């Protein structure tokens, strides 16, 4: 396991210590859990963005195909 050193404002450290104590966790465990949750949130946001981009591509292609079908429907004996 790697050691991480960081500087944070005193008031944030106090909040971390208070919250960790309320959850009966050591400070390090609390911070690890917070980092894991943030990583999960970032990954979920990344997945949402990729799905949205794919959805927009599919929607564009679907609109093109629908337009082709509309054109065919108007042609007699097609």
N, C-alpha and C. Protein backbone atom coordinates (compact mmCIF):
# COMPACT_ATOMS: atom_id res chain seq x y z
N UNK A 1 0.86 -1.17 0.00
CA UNK A 1 0.00 0.00 0.00
C UNK A 1 0.91 1.23 0.00
N UNK A 2 0.50 2.26 -0.75
CA UNK A 2 1.28 3.48 -0.87
C UNK A 2 0.79 4.53 0.10
N UNK A 3 1.70 5.34 0.58
CA UNK A 3 1.36 6.44 1.47
C UNK A 3 1.10 7.69 0.63
N UNK A 4 0.08 8.45 1.02
CA UNK A 4 -0.29 9.68 0.32
C UNK A 4 -0.23 10.83 1.32
N UNK A 5 0.44 11.86 0.93
CA UNK A 5 0.53 13.05 1.78
C UNK A 5 -0.17 14.19 1.07
N UNK A 6 -1.05 14.90 1.77
CA UNK A 6 -1.73 16.02 1.15
C UNK A 6 -1.99 17.12 2.17
N UNK A 7 -2.18 18.31 1.63
CA UNK A 7 -2.51 19.45 2.48
C UNK A 7 -3.98 19.78 2.29
N UNK A 8 -4.69 19.90 3.41
CA UNK A 8 -6.10 20.28 3.36
C UNK A 8 -6.34 21.35 4.42
N UNK A 9 -7.35 22.17 4.20
CA UNK A 9 -7.66 23.20 5.19
C UNK A 9 -8.03 22.57 6.55
N UNK A 10 -7.70 23.29 7.61
CA UNK A 10 -7.97 22.78 8.96
C UNK A 10 -9.44 22.47 9.17
N UNK A 11 -10.33 23.31 8.64
CA UNK A 11 -11.76 23.07 8.86
C UNK A 11 -12.21 21.78 8.15
N UNK A 12 -11.64 21.48 6.98
CA UNK A 12 -11.98 20.23 6.30
C UNK A 12 -11.47 19.04 7.10
N UNK A 13 -10.27 19.14 7.62
CA UNK A 13 -9.72 18.06 8.44
C UNK A 13 -10.59 17.82 9.67
N UNK A 14 -11.07 18.89 10.26
CA UNK A 14 -11.95 18.77 11.43
C UNK A 14 -13.24 18.03 11.04
N UNK A 15 -13.80 18.37 9.87
CA UNK A 15 -15.01 17.68 9.39
C UNK A 15 -14.73 16.20 9.15
N UNK A 16 -13.58 15.90 8.56
CA UNK A 16 -13.20 14.51 8.31
C UNK A 16 -13.09 13.76 9.64
N UNK A 17 -12.40 14.35 10.59
CA UNK A 17 -12.23 13.69 11.88
C UNK A 17 -13.57 13.48 12.59
N UNK A 18 -14.43 14.48 12.54
CA UNK A 18 -15.74 14.37 13.19
C UNK A 18 -16.57 13.27 12.53
N UNK A 19 -16.61 13.27 11.21
CA UNK A 19 -17.39 12.26 10.49
C UNK A 19 -16.82 10.87 10.70
N UNK A 20 -15.52 10.73 10.65
CA UNK A 20 -14.88 9.43 10.86
C UNK A 20 -15.20 8.91 12.26
N UNK A 21 -15.15 9.79 13.23
CA UNK A 21 -15.45 9.39 14.61
C UNK A 21 -16.90 8.92 14.73
N UNK A 22 -17.81 9.64 14.09
CA UNK A 22 -19.22 9.26 14.14
C UNK A 22 -19.46 7.89 13.52
N UNK A 23 -18.67 7.56 12.52
CA UNK A 23 -18.80 6.26 11.85
C UNK A 23 -17.91 5.19 12.47
N UNK A 24 -17.19 5.56 13.53
CA UNK A 24 -16.27 4.63 14.21
C UNK A 24 -15.23 4.08 13.24
N UNK A 25 -14.68 4.98 12.42
CA UNK A 25 -13.64 4.62 11.47
C UNK A 25 -12.38 5.42 11.77
N UNK A 26 -11.21 4.84 11.53
CA UNK A 26 -10.00 5.64 11.59
C UNK A 26 -10.02 6.68 10.46
N UNK A 27 -9.32 7.77 10.65
CA UNK A 27 -9.27 8.83 9.64
C UNK A 27 -8.88 8.27 8.27
N UNK A 28 -7.85 7.45 8.23
CA UNK A 28 -7.36 6.92 6.96
C UNK A 28 -8.43 6.08 6.26
N UNK A 29 -9.16 5.27 7.02
CA UNK A 29 -10.21 4.45 6.43
C UNK A 29 -11.33 5.34 5.88
N UNK A 30 -11.65 6.39 6.61
CA UNK A 30 -12.68 7.32 6.15
C UNK A 30 -12.26 7.99 4.84
N UNK A 31 -11.03 8.45 4.77
CA UNK A 31 -10.53 9.12 3.56
C UNK A 31 -10.47 8.14 2.40
N UNK A 32 -10.02 6.90 2.65
CA UNK A 32 -10.00 5.88 1.59
C UNK A 32 -11.40 5.65 1.04
N UNK A 33 -12.36 5.53 1.95
CA UNK A 33 -13.75 5.30 1.53
C UNK A 33 -14.26 6.48 0.71
N UNK A 34 -13.93 7.70 1.13
CA UNK A 34 -14.35 8.89 0.39
C UNK A 34 -13.74 8.90 -1.01
N UNK A 35 -12.48 8.54 -1.13
CA UNK A 35 -11.81 8.48 -2.43
C UNK A 35 -12.43 7.40 -3.31
N UNK A 36 -12.73 6.25 -2.72
CA UNK A 36 -13.37 5.18 -3.49
C UNK A 36 -14.73 5.63 -4.02
N UNK A 37 -15.50 6.32 -3.18
CA UNK A 37 -16.82 6.79 -3.62
C UNK A 37 -16.69 7.85 -4.71
N UNK A 38 -15.71 8.72 -4.60
CA UNK A 38 -15.50 9.73 -5.63
C UNK A 38 -15.07 9.07 -6.94
N UNK A 39 -14.18 8.09 -6.87
CA UNK A 39 -13.77 7.36 -8.07
C UNK A 39 -14.96 6.67 -8.72
N UNK A 40 -15.83 6.08 -7.92
CA UNK A 40 -17.02 5.42 -8.46
C UNK A 40 -17.95 6.44 -9.12
N UNK A 41 -18.10 7.61 -8.52
CA UNK A 41 -18.95 8.66 -9.10
C UNK A 41 -18.38 9.16 -10.43
N UNK A 42 -17.08 9.34 -10.49
CA UNK A 42 -16.44 9.78 -11.74
C UNK A 42 -16.60 8.71 -12.82
N UNK A 43 -16.42 7.45 -12.46
CA UNK A 43 -16.58 6.36 -13.43
C UNK A 43 -18.02 6.29 -13.93
N UNK A 44 -18.99 6.47 -13.03
CA UNK A 44 -20.40 6.45 -13.42
C UNK A 44 -20.71 7.61 -14.37
N UNK A 45 -20.17 8.78 -14.08
CA UNK A 45 -20.38 9.94 -14.95
C UNK A 45 -19.77 9.68 -16.33
N UNK A 46 -18.59 9.08 -16.34
CA UNK A 46 -17.93 8.76 -17.61
C UNK A 46 -18.78 7.77 -18.42
N UNK A 47 -19.33 6.75 -17.75
CA UNK A 47 -20.21 5.79 -18.43
C UNK A 47 -21.44 6.49 -18.98
N UNK A 48 -22.05 7.38 -18.19
CA UNK A 48 -23.23 8.11 -18.65
C UNK A 48 -22.92 8.92 -19.90
N UNK A 49 -21.77 9.59 -19.91
CA UNK A 49 -21.39 10.40 -21.06
C UNK A 49 -21.18 9.52 -22.30
N UNK A 50 -20.52 8.38 -22.13
CA UNK A 50 -20.30 7.48 -23.26
C UNK A 50 -21.63 6.95 -23.79
N UNK A 51 -22.54 6.58 -22.88
CA UNK A 51 -23.85 6.09 -23.31
C UNK A 51 -24.65 7.18 -24.02
N UNK A 52 -24.55 8.40 -23.52
CA UNK A 52 -25.26 9.50 -24.15
C UNK A 52 -24.71 9.76 -25.55
N UNK A 53 -23.41 9.73 -25.70
CA UNK A 53 -22.80 9.92 -27.02
C UNK A 53 -23.23 8.82 -27.98
N UNK A 54 -23.24 7.58 -27.50
CA UNK A 54 -23.66 6.47 -28.34
C UNK A 54 -25.13 6.60 -28.71
N UNK A 55 -25.94 7.02 -27.75
CA UNK A 55 -27.37 7.20 -28.00
C UNK A 55 -27.61 8.27 -29.06
N UNK A 56 -26.87 9.36 -29.01
CA UNK A 56 -27.01 10.41 -30.00
C UNK A 56 -26.62 9.92 -31.39
N UNK A 57 -25.57 9.10 -31.47
CA UNK A 57 -25.17 8.54 -32.77
C UNK A 57 -26.26 7.63 -33.31
N UNK A 58 -26.80 6.78 -32.45
CA UNK A 58 -27.86 5.86 -32.87
C UNK A 58 -29.10 6.63 -33.29
N UNK A 59 -29.44 7.68 -32.54
CA UNK A 59 -30.61 8.48 -32.87
C UNK A 59 -30.44 9.13 -34.24
N UNK A 60 -29.27 9.65 -34.51
CA UNK A 60 -29.01 10.26 -35.81
C UNK A 60 -29.17 9.25 -36.94
N UNK A 61 -28.63 8.07 -36.74
CA UNK A 61 -28.74 7.01 -37.76
C UNK A 61 -30.20 6.57 -37.91
N UNK A 62 -30.92 6.45 -36.82
CA UNK A 62 -32.33 6.07 -36.87
C UNK A 62 -33.16 7.09 -37.63
N UNK A 63 -32.87 8.36 -37.43
CA UNK A 63 -33.59 9.41 -38.14
C UNK A 63 -33.32 9.30 -39.65
N UNK A 64 -32.10 9.00 -40.02
CA UNK A 64 -31.75 8.84 -41.43
C UNK A 64 -32.50 7.66 -42.03
N UNK A 65 -32.53 6.53 -41.33
CA UNK A 65 -33.24 5.34 -41.81
C UNK A 65 -34.73 5.62 -41.91
N UNK A 66 -35.30 6.28 -40.90
CA UNK A 66 -36.72 6.63 -40.94
C UNK A 66 -37.05 7.51 -42.13
N UNK A 67 -36.17 8.44 -42.44
CA UNK A 67 -36.39 9.31 -43.60
C UNK A 67 -36.38 8.49 -44.89
N UNK A 68 -35.50 7.50 -44.97
CA UNK A 68 -35.48 6.63 -46.15
C UNK A 68 -36.77 5.84 -46.27
N UNK A 69 -37.27 5.32 -45.15
CA UNK A 69 -38.54 4.58 -45.18
C UNK A 69 -39.69 5.50 -45.58
N UNK A 70 -39.69 6.73 -45.07
CA UNK A 70 -40.73 7.68 -45.46
C UNK A 70 -40.71 7.93 -46.96
N UNK A 71 -39.54 8.04 -47.52
CA UNK A 71 -39.42 8.28 -48.96
C UNK A 71 -39.92 7.07 -49.76
N UNK A 72 -39.67 5.88 -49.28
CA UNK A 72 -40.11 4.66 -49.95
C UNK A 72 -41.63 4.53 -49.88
N UNK A 73 -42.22 4.87 -48.74
CA UNK A 73 -43.67 4.75 -48.55
C UNK A 73 -44.43 5.63 -49.53
N UNK A 74 -43.84 6.75 -49.95
CA UNK A 74 -44.51 7.66 -50.86
C UNK A 74 -44.38 7.25 -52.32
N UNK A 75 -43.56 6.26 -52.60
CA UNK A 75 -43.32 5.81 -53.98
C UNK A 75 -44.28 4.66 -54.28
N UNK A 76 -45.11 4.80 -55.33
CA UNK A 76 -46.01 3.69 -55.66
C UNK A 76 -45.23 2.46 -56.13
N UNK A 77 -45.71 1.30 -55.77
CA UNK A 77 -45.13 0.00 -56.15
C UNK A 77 -43.69 -0.17 -55.66
N UNK A 78 -43.38 0.40 -54.55
CA UNK A 78 -42.01 0.28 -54.06
C UNK A 78 -41.87 -0.95 -53.21
